[in-house]
Amino acid sequence: MKHPVSVFWFRRDLRLQDNAGLFQALKSDHAVLPLFIFDRSILDELDDPADARVSFIHQSLLSLQQQLVAADSTLIVRHGFVDKVFAELCNEYDIKAVYTNNDYEPYARKRDAQMADFFASRSIEFNSVKDQVIFEKSEVVKDDGLPYTIFTPYSRKWRAAVTAAQLRSFGSEKLMGSFYKQSALDMPSLPQMGFSLTTTAFPPMQWDKNTITRYKEQRDFPAVPGTSRLSVHLRFGTLSIRTLAREAGALNESYLSELIWRDFYQMILWHFPQVVASSFKPVYDRIVWRNNEAEFEAWCQGLTGYPIVDAGMRELNQTGFMHNRVRMIVASFLTKHLLIDWRWGEAYFAKKLLDFDLSANNGGWQWAAGSGCDAAPYFRVFNPYIQTKKFDPELRYIRHWVPEFESLNYPAPIVKHELARERCLQVYGAALKDRNT
């Protein structure tokens, strides 16, 4: 006889602590079966068998498994298509309910709508709740009910609306006795799923109070360890956004503002999913991009002849991370100096960034290109030399990643800044000359 169970479906929330959906599941009438699916609809699109993000997920699941085994339970890990995995589970267990946390990306919304129908056809209750943001969907909107498209008024409304209740932790870790009791099950290895082990060093899930306190003063200098490096943990949910907003955000308003930007871009993606493929400002899709493949490859490899740009790209290629100030510089360079479509750069970042998050990546690239909501004006073209002088004045960051930049082996600039800026203004100006159509 199969025992009735509730399933908690882990996705972007790989932790037992302060997990909203898990908390609801553990309070339900049935023992909770914890599940993670390596979704082939996502993994089959990856073209790098050494993709470090898959390793990060696998490593996080091993940690979850240790905690669950200590509670006489086990994490069920499957590799396959979501509907087929759940069909198999329905044959193995008497599933009464499925709990999970909301995901706002277009693929996830489509998947969850399909799975809601799947569960309904089997009389399985499906519950999905907010967890990865403080405010979601239409919780922070204008007085007329329309979504904000400018960050500053959104931020003001966000700050006015937030209360201790929104930042309070869910005590899911206190309900460990409610997991379904069974012997530990093996999870598929990376090689079994077609992926290889990686030697990538993942940042620790902890923050230094001094770093957070001095965040505003230090965050723009890539040679200084002035950022928390917690973005990958927020992306995969090994750290609760509520914990970070409550504890780290209280130390520095500028740091909290970055967390609000995260909510803002998730909200934009929810209300305007077309931004995944198109410019938020449609007129910007009139830009006639040069899209020179050789120049794009030079940018990808960090061989543009602009040391600050090349340093950022090499850091990304070697570590899966890039300092946020440098992200803006390299994105501006690609879209405005080289006039290469922001979607090319966004896709490259999507392949390389450990902390890749669709909403933030898309928002950042459209900001740099001028095509996004609340974006940099099109005539703002970052001067890489001035950016270097301001943010890496001692060239410590550049010397680390581009040690040959003063040698004869270093390439000449791929384009002269003055000519690139003039060309950019002409091309953008021609595309935007009639903004009312």
Protein backbone atom coordinates (compact mmCIF):
# COMPACT_ATOMS: atom_id res chain seq x y z
CA MET A 1 0.00 0.00 0.00
CA LYS A 2 1.37 3.39 -1.01
CA HIS A 3 1.40 6.05 1.67
CA PRO A 4 -0.13 9.44 0.79
CA VAL A 5 2.52 12.14 0.41
CA SER A 6 2.97 15.76 -0.52
CA VAL A 7 5.82 16.54 -2.90
CA PHE A 8 8.01 19.58 -2.53
CA TRP A 9 9.55 20.39 -5.90
CA PHE A 10 12.88 22.20 -5.47
CA ARG A 11 13.85 24.55 -8.29
CA ARG A 12 15.46 27.95 -7.61
CA ASP A 13 15.37 27.37 -3.85
CA LEU A 14 18.04 24.81 -2.97
CA ARG A 15 17.90 25.14 0.80
CA LEU A 16 15.93 23.81 3.75
CA GLN A 17 16.15 27.08 5.71
CA ASP A 18 13.60 29.87 5.29
CA ASN A 19 11.95 28.27 2.27
CA ALA A 20 8.38 29.53 1.80
CA GLY A 21 7.02 26.72 -0.36
CA LEU A 22 8.76 24.04 1.67
CA PHE A 23 7.32 25.55 4.85
CA GLN A 24 3.79 25.26 3.41
CA ALA A 25 4.43 21.67 2.34
CA LEU A 26 5.80 20.63 5.72
CA LYS A 27 2.69 22.08 7.40
CA SER A 28 0.37 20.06 5.14
CA ASP A 29 -1.51 16.92 6.12
CA HIS A 30 0.97 14.51 4.54
CA ALA A 31 4.62 13.60 4.85
CA VAL A 32 6.74 15.53 2.38
CA LEU A 33 8.69 13.90 -0.42
CA PRO A 34 11.52 16.28 -1.48
CA LEU A 35 12.22 16.30 -5.22
CA PHE A 36 14.61 17.93 -7.66
CA ILE A 37 14.44 17.42 -11.42
CA PHE A 38 17.37 18.04 -13.72
CA ASP A 39 15.02 19.30 -16.40
CA ARG A 40 16.13 18.11 -19.82
CA SER A 41 14.16 20.90 -21.47
CA ILE A 42 16.77 23.21 -19.93
CA LEU A 43 19.87 21.03 -19.82
CA ASP A 44 19.59 19.79 -23.40
CA GLU A 45 20.00 23.40 -24.54
CA LEU A 46 23.40 23.75 -22.84
CA ASP A 47 26.32 23.29 -25.19
CA ASP A 48 29.13 23.00 -22.63
CA PRO A 49 29.47 19.64 -20.85
CA ALA A 50 31.61 21.42 -18.24
CA ASP A 51 28.93 24.03 -17.47
CA ALA A 52 29.82 25.02 -13.92
CA ARG A 53 26.24 25.90 -13.04
CA VAL A 54 25.21 22.27 -13.32
CA SER A 55 28.08 21.39 -10.99
CA PHE A 56 26.94 24.07 -8.56
CA ILE A 57 23.42 22.65 -8.54
CA HIS A 58 24.74 19.11 -8.09
CA GLN A 59 26.99 20.22 -5.23
CA SER A 60 24.07 22.02 -3.57
CA LEU A 61 21.89 18.93 -3.89
CA LEU A 62 24.54 16.81 -2.20
CA SER A 63 24.42 19.23 0.72
CA LEU A 64 20.63 18.98 0.83
CA GLN A 65 20.87 15.22 0.74
CA GLN A 66 23.18 15.14 3.76
CA GLN A 67 20.70 17.20 5.75
CA LEU A 68 17.75 15.09 4.69
CA VAL A 69 19.47 11.78 5.41
CA ALA A 70 20.17 13.08 8.91
CA ALA A 71 16.40 13.48 9.23
CA ASP A 72 15.82 9.86 8.04
CA SER A 73 14.58 11.07 4.67
CA THR A 74 16.11 11.42 1.22
CA LEU A 75 16.11 13.75 -1.73
CA ILE A 76 14.70 12.25 -4.90
CA VAL A 77 16.73 13.49 -7.88
CA ARG A 78 15.63 12.67 -11.41
CA HIS A 79 17.02 13.60 -14.82
CA GLY A 80 14.36 13.89 -17.49
CA PHE A 81 11.41 15.84 -18.77
CA VAL A 82 9.23 17.21 -15.99
CA ASP A 83 5.91 15.67 -17.06
CA LYS A 84 7.44 12.24 -17.53
CA VAL A 85 9.20 12.39 -14.17
CA PHE A 86 5.96 13.22 -12.38
CA ALA A 87 4.11 10.50 -14.30
CA GLU A 88 6.66 8.00 -12.99
CA LEU A 89 6.39 9.37 -9.45
CA CYS A 90 2.61 9.06 -9.54
CA ASN A 91 3.09 5.34 -10.16
CA GLU A 92 5.51 5.05 -7.24
CA TYR A 93 3.78 7.20 -4.61
CA ASP A 94 0.28 8.27 -3.68
CA ILE A 95 0.78 11.98 -4.35
CA LYS A 96 -1.92 14.16 -2.84
CA ALA A 97 -0.33 17.59 -3.34
CA VAL A 98 2.67 19.27 -4.96
CA TYR A 99 4.24 22.40 -3.51
CA THR A 100 6.82 24.65 -5.14
CA ASN A 101 7.95 28.27 -5.34
CA ASN A 102 7.07 30.71 -8.08
CA ASP A 103 9.31 31.21 -11.09
CA TYR A 104 8.68 34.19 -13.37
CA GLU A 105 10.60 33.31 -16.52
CA PRO A 106 8.59 32.56 -19.69
CA TYR A 107 9.67 28.93 -19.93
CA ALA A 108 8.87 28.33 -16.26
CA ARG A 109 5.45 29.96 -16.57
CA LYS A 110 4.59 27.78 -19.55
CA ARG A 111 5.90 24.65 -17.80
CA ASP A 112 4.00 25.37 -14.61
CA ALA A 113 0.75 26.02 -16.49
CA GLN A 114 1.12 22.67 -18.23
CA MET A 115 1.94 20.91 -14.98
CA ALA A 116 -1.05 22.53 -13.27
CA ASP A 117 -3.25 20.83 -15.88
CA PHE A 118 -1.33 17.58 -15.39
CA PHE A 119 -1.89 17.65 -11.63
CA ALA A 120 -5.55 18.65 -11.97
CA SER A 121 -6.17 15.67 -14.26
CA ARG A 122 -4.94 13.43 -11.45
CA SER A 123 -6.75 15.28 -8.65
CA ILE A 124 -3.43 16.44 -7.20
CA GLU A 125 -3.45 19.79 -5.45
CA PHE A 126 -0.83 22.20 -6.86
CA ASN A 127 0.47 25.06 -4.73
CA SER A 128 3.07 27.61 -5.85
CA VAL A 129 4.06 30.54 -3.64
CA LYS A 130 6.39 33.54 -3.60
CA ASP A 131 9.90 32.91 -2.33
CA GLN A 132 12.75 34.25 -4.50
CA VAL A 133 11.74 37.93 -4.30
CA ILE A 134 10.37 40.24 -1.63
CA PHE A 135 7.63 41.66 -3.88
CA GLU A 136 6.40 39.92 -7.02
CA LYS A 137 4.13 40.48 -10.01
CA SER A 138 1.74 43.36 -9.20
CA GLU A 139 2.50 43.75 -5.50
CA VAL A 140 4.33 47.04 -6.14
CA VAL A 141 2.61 49.05 -8.87
CA LYS A 142 1.62 52.63 -9.60
CA ASP A 143 -1.46 54.13 -8.00
CA ASP A 144 -3.39 53.40 -11.21
CA GLY A 145 -2.45 49.73 -11.02
CA LEU A 146 -0.03 49.78 -13.93
CA PRO A 147 3.49 48.41 -13.52
CA TYR A 148 6.39 50.74 -12.96
CA THR A 149 8.93 51.04 -15.76
CA ILE A 150 11.22 53.52 -13.99
CA PHE A 151 13.28 52.22 -11.09
CA THR A 152 13.39 55.23 -8.75
CA PRO A 153 9.61 55.54 -8.13
CA TYR A 154 9.38 51.75 -7.94
CA SER A 155 12.13 51.75 -5.33
CA ARG A 156 10.35 54.41 -3.29
CA LYS A 157 7.08 52.46 -3.34
CA TRP A 158 8.97 49.24 -2.53
CA ARG A 159 10.63 50.81 0.50
CA ALA A 160 7.34 52.30 1.69
CA ALA A 161 5.58 48.94 1.36
CA VAL A 162 8.14 46.66 2.95
CA THR A 163 7.50 45.62 6.53
CA ALA A 164 9.03 43.24 8.99
CA ALA A 165 6.40 40.70 7.94
CA GLN A 166 7.72 40.60 4.36
CA LEU A 167 11.25 39.99 5.65
CA ARG A 168 10.35 37.44 8.30
CA SER A 169 11.87 33.99 7.83
CA PHE A 170 9.77 30.89 7.24
CA GLY A 171 10.83 28.27 9.78
CA SER A 172 10.94 25.38 7.34
CA GLU A 173 14.14 24.03 8.92
CA LYS A 174 12.23 23.54 12.19
CA LEU A 175 9.83 21.03 10.63
CA MET A 176 12.33 18.37 9.54
CA GLY A 177 10.27 15.65 11.19
CA SER A 178 7.58 16.10 8.54
CA PHE A 179 9.65 14.70 5.68
CA TYR A 180 8.71 11.30 4.28
CA LYS A 181 10.83 8.62 5.93
CA GLN A 182 12.77 6.35 3.61
CA SER A 183 16.30 5.14 3.00
CA ALA A 184 18.74 7.34 1.14
CA LEU A 185 18.48 7.17 -2.64
CA ASP A 186 21.34 7.72 -5.06
CA MET A 187 21.21 10.74 -7.33
CA PRO A 188 22.43 10.70 -10.93
CA SER A 189 26.05 11.72 -11.30
CA LEU A 190 27.18 14.50 -13.59
CA PRO A 191 28.70 12.07 -16.12
CA GLN A 192 25.47 10.04 -16.15
CA MET A 193 23.68 13.22 -17.26
CA GLY A 194 26.29 14.06 -19.89
CA PHE A 195 28.18 16.65 -17.86
CA SER A 196 31.71 16.65 -16.55
CA LEU A 197 33.15 17.66 -13.22
CA THR A 198 34.47 21.20 -12.99
CA THR A 199 37.22 22.76 -10.91
CA THR A 200 35.41 26.11 -10.69
CA ALA A 201 35.76 27.69 -7.25
CA PHE A 202 32.31 28.74 -6.10
CA PRO A 203 32.04 31.76 -3.78
CA PRO A 204 31.14 30.89 -0.18
CA MET A 205 27.63 31.56 1.05
CA GLN A 206 28.58 34.12 3.63
CA TRP A 207 29.12 37.84 3.77
CA ASP A 208 31.52 40.07 5.57
CA LYS A 209 29.82 42.86 7.49
CA ASN A 210 32.63 45.27 6.72
CA THR A 211 32.23 44.61 2.99
CA ILE A 212 28.51 45.27 3.15
CA THR A 213 28.93 48.36 5.34
CA ARG A 214 31.43 49.86 2.88
CA TYR A 215 29.56 48.63 -0.19
CA LYS A 216 28.69 52.06 -1.60
CA GLU A 217 32.29 53.28 -1.37
CA GLN A 218 33.91 50.10 -2.74
CA ARG A 219 31.48 48.48 -5.15
CA ASP A 220 32.73 50.19 -8.32
CA PHE A 221 36.38 49.16 -8.02
CA PRO A 222 36.98 45.71 -9.56
CA ALA A 223 40.41 45.27 -7.97
CA VAL A 224 38.86 45.62 -4.51
CA PRO A 225 36.85 42.80 -2.86
CA GLY A 226 34.03 45.27 -2.32
CA THR A 227 31.01 43.19 -3.31
CA SER A 228 29.37 40.29 -1.51
CA ARG A 229 29.68 37.74 -4.35
CA LEU A 230 26.35 36.25 -3.23
CA SER A 231 24.58 36.54 -6.58
CA VAL A 232 25.03 32.86 -7.47
CA HIS A 233 23.48 31.88 -4.13
CA LEU A 234 20.50 34.13 -4.74
CA ARG A 235 20.17 32.75 -8.26
CA PHE A 236 19.91 29.14 -7.13
CA GLY A 237 18.28 29.86 -3.81
CA THR A 238 20.96 28.46 -1.55
CA LEU A 239 20.47 31.74 0.33
CA SER A 240 17.13 33.33 1.23
CA ILE A 241 16.44 36.79 -0.21
CA ARG A 242 14.55 37.61 3.00
CA THR A 243 17.57 36.85 5.15
CA LEU A 244 19.82 38.94 2.93
CA ALA A 245 17.44 41.89 2.70
CA ARG A 246 16.81 41.86 6.43
CA GLU A 247 20.35 41.40 7.70
CA ALA A 248 22.72 42.68 4.99
CA GLY A 249 20.30 45.28 3.69
CA ALA A 250 20.09 46.82 7.14
CA LEU A 251 23.83 47.48 7.02
CA ASN A 252 23.84 49.51 3.81
CA GLU A 253 21.07 51.26 1.88
CA SER A 254 23.01 51.02 -1.39
CA TYR A 255 23.25 47.26 -0.99
CA LEU A 256 19.52 47.04 -0.33
CA SER A 257 18.95 49.08 -3.48
CA GLU A 258 20.67 46.36 -5.52
CA LEU A 259 18.24 43.80 -4.08
CA ILE A 260 15.36 46.09 -5.06
CA TRP A 261 16.75 46.23 -8.61
CA ARG A 262 16.52 42.44 -8.58
CA ASP A 263 12.81 42.59 -7.70
CA PHE A 264 12.31 45.33 -10.29
CA TYR A 265 13.73 43.28 -13.16
CA GLN A 266 11.72 40.22 -12.13
CA MET A 267 8.61 42.40 -12.15
CA ILE A 268 9.49 43.76 -15.60
CA LEU A 269 9.95 40.24 -16.96
CA TRP A 270 6.59 39.19 -15.54
CA HIS A 271 4.65 42.09 -17.06
CA PHE A 272 6.67 42.44 -20.27
CA PRO A 273 7.89 38.93 -21.24
CA GLN A 274 8.50 40.18 -24.78
CA VAL A 275 11.77 41.73 -23.55
CA VAL A 276 13.39 38.30 -23.81
CA ALA A 277 13.51 38.63 -27.60
CA SER A 278 12.75 42.29 -28.27
CA SER A 279 13.75 45.72 -27.06
CA PHE A 280 11.62 47.08 -24.23
CA LYS A 281 11.46 50.28 -26.30
CA PRO A 282 10.38 48.90 -29.71
CA VAL A 283 11.94 51.77 -31.65
CA TYR A 284 15.37 50.45 -30.70
CA ASP A 285 14.74 47.36 -32.80
CA ARG A 286 15.22 49.67 -35.79
CA ILE A 287 18.93 49.98 -35.08
CA VAL A 288 21.01 48.62 -37.94
CA TRP A 289 23.62 46.61 -36.08
CA ARG A 290 26.98 45.92 -37.71
CA ASN A 291 27.24 42.44 -36.12
CA ASN A 292 30.80 41.85 -37.27
CA GLU A 293 31.53 38.25 -36.26
CA ALA A 294 35.30 38.69 -36.09
CA GLU A 295 34.94 41.67 -33.78
CA PHE A 296 32.43 39.78 -31.66
CA GLU A 297 34.89 36.91 -31.30
CA ALA A 298 37.64 39.36 -30.27
CA TRP A 299 35.28 40.76 -27.63
CA CYS A 300 34.43 37.27 -26.40
CA GLN A 301 38.08 36.32 -26.05
CA GLY A 302 39.20 39.58 -24.43
CA LEU A 303 41.31 40.72 -27.38
CA THR A 304 39.80 44.10 -28.24
CA GLY A 305 42.87 46.16 -27.41
CA TYR A 306 40.97 47.92 -24.61
CA PRO A 307 42.49 46.56 -21.38
CA ILE A 308 39.51 47.17 -19.08
CA VAL A 309 37.18 45.44 -21.57
CA ASP A 310 39.55 42.54 -22.11
CA ALA A 311 40.13 42.11 -18.38
CA GLY A 312 36.41 41.75 -17.80
CA MET A 313 35.93 39.22 -20.55
CA ARG A 314 38.87 37.12 -19.41
CA GLU A 315 37.62 37.19 -15.84
CA LEU A 316 34.25 35.97 -17.10
CA ASN A 317 35.72 33.23 -19.27
CA GLN A 318 38.00 31.91 -16.54
CA THR A 319 35.80 32.26 -13.46
CA GLY A 320 32.16 32.60 -14.52
CA PHE A 321 32.05 35.95 -12.72
CA MET A 322 32.47 39.56 -13.76
CA HIS A 323 32.46 42.64 -11.56
CA ASN A 324 29.27 44.63 -12.03
CA ARG A 325 31.00 47.90 -13.00
CA VAL A 326 32.96 46.01 -15.64
CA ARG A 327 29.77 44.32 -16.88
CA MET A 328 28.47 47.77 -17.75
CA ILE A 329 31.71 48.72 -19.47
CA VAL A 330 31.95 45.61 -21.65
CA ALA A 331 28.24 45.76 -22.53
CA SER A 332 28.48 49.39 -23.53
CA PHE A 333 31.58 48.62 -25.61
CA LEU A 334 29.91 45.77 -27.50
CA THR A 335 26.68 47.59 -28.26
CA LYS A 336 28.00 51.09 -28.87
CA HIS A 337 31.66 50.85 -29.87
CA LEU A 338 31.19 47.77 -32.04
CA LEU A 339 27.46 48.20 -32.80
CA ILE A 340 26.77 44.53 -32.13
CA ASP A 341 23.24 43.57 -31.15
CA TRP A 342 22.79 43.46 -27.37
CA ARG A 343 21.17 40.03 -27.78
CA TRP A 344 24.53 38.60 -28.87
CA GLY A 345 26.18 39.81 -25.70
CA GLU A 346 23.27 38.75 -23.54
CA ALA A 347 23.43 35.23 -24.97
CA TYR A 348 27.17 35.02 -24.35
CA PHE A 349 26.74 36.10 -20.74
CA ALA A 350 23.92 33.56 -20.40
CA LYS A 351 26.39 30.81 -21.32
CA LYS A 352 29.22 31.98 -19.09
CA LEU A 353 27.84 33.59 -15.93
CA LEU A 354 27.56 31.41 -12.85
CA ASP A 355 24.93 33.80 -11.52
CA PHE A 356 23.02 34.03 -14.82
CA ASP A 357 19.52 35.21 -14.15
CA LEU A 358 17.35 35.94 -17.17
CA SER A 359 15.60 39.02 -15.80
CA ALA A 360 18.75 40.75 -14.50
CA ASN A 361 20.88 39.77 -17.49
CA ASN A 362 18.28 41.00 -19.94
CA GLY A 363 17.69 44.15 -17.94
CA GLY A 364 21.39 44.91 -17.69
CA TRP A 365 22.06 44.43 -21.37
CA GLN A 366 19.07 46.49 -22.45
CA TRP A 367 20.14 49.19 -19.99
CA ALA A 368 23.59 49.32 -21.59
CA ALA A 369 22.17 49.36 -25.13
CA GLY A 370 19.68 52.10 -24.23
CA SER A 371 16.75 49.92 -25.31
CA GLY A 372 15.47 48.92 -21.88
CA CYS A 373 13.24 50.43 -19.26
CA ASP A 374 14.96 53.21 -17.33
CA ALA A 375 18.03 52.66 -19.51
CA ALA A 376 21.12 54.73 -20.07
CA PRO A 377 20.44 57.32 -22.81
CA TYR A 378 21.63 56.20 -26.21
CA PHE A 379 24.12 59.05 -26.46
CA ARG A 380 25.89 57.91 -23.28
CA VAL A 381 28.88 55.97 -24.59
CA PHE A 382 31.28 54.80 -21.90
CA ASN A 383 34.86 55.85 -22.58
CA PRO A 384 36.93 52.78 -21.54
CA TYR A 385 39.95 54.95 -20.80
CA ILE A 386 38.03 57.25 -18.46
CA GLN A 387 36.36 54.24 -16.84
CA THR A 388 39.80 52.77 -16.23
CA LYS A 389 41.13 55.99 -14.76
CA LYS A 390 38.16 56.28 -12.41
CA PHE A 391 37.72 52.67 -11.31
CA ASP A 392 41.09 50.94 -11.81
CA PRO A 393 43.51 53.86 -11.47
CA GLU A 394 46.43 51.70 -10.35
CA LEU A 395 45.68 49.14 -13.08
CA ARG A 396 45.62 46.32 -10.53
CA TYR A 397 42.57 44.65 -12.07
CA ILE A 398 43.93 45.02 -15.58
CA ARG A 399 47.39 43.74 -14.67
CA HIS A 400 45.86 40.66 -13.09
CA TRP A 401 43.78 39.65 -16.10
CA VAL A 402 45.72 41.22 -18.99
CA PRO A 403 49.36 41.04 -17.88
CA GLU A 404 50.63 41.58 -21.43
CA PHE A 405 48.67 44.80 -22.05
CA GLU A 406 51.84 46.95 -22.19
CA SER A 407 53.76 44.53 -24.41
CA LEU A 408 54.05 44.18 -28.17
CA ASN A 409 51.96 41.01 -27.91
CA TYR A 410 48.86 42.98 -26.98
CA PRO A 411 46.59 43.87 -29.91
CA ALA A 412 45.97 47.44 -31.02
CA PRO A 413 42.49 48.83 -30.23
CA ILE A 414 39.91 47.19 -32.45
CA VAL A 415 38.35 50.60 -33.07
CA LYS A 416 39.24 54.13 -32.03
CA HIS A 417 37.00 55.45 -29.28
CA GLU A 418 36.28 58.80 -30.91
CA LEU A 419 35.33 57.22 -34.24
CA ALA A 420 33.24 54.55 -32.51
CA ARG A 421 31.33 57.14 -30.51
CA GLU A 422 30.60 59.24 -33.59
CA ARG A 423 29.47 56.16 -35.54
CA CYS A 424 27.25 55.05 -32.67
CA LEU A 425 25.50 58.40 -32.42
CA GLN A 426 24.88 58.42 -36.17
CA VAL A 427 23.45 54.89 -36.28
CA TYR A 428 21.33 55.28 -33.15
CA GLY A 429 20.19 58.74 -34.23
CA ALA A 430 19.06 57.45 -37.61
CA ALA A 431 17.04 54.67 -35.98
CA LEU A 432 15.46 56.90 -33.35
CA LYS A 433 14.78 60.03 -35.38
CA ASP A 434 11.03 59.37 -35.44
CA ARG A 435 10.23 58.09 -31.96
CA ASN A 436 6.48 58.49 -32.26
CA THR A 437 5.99 55.66 -34.73
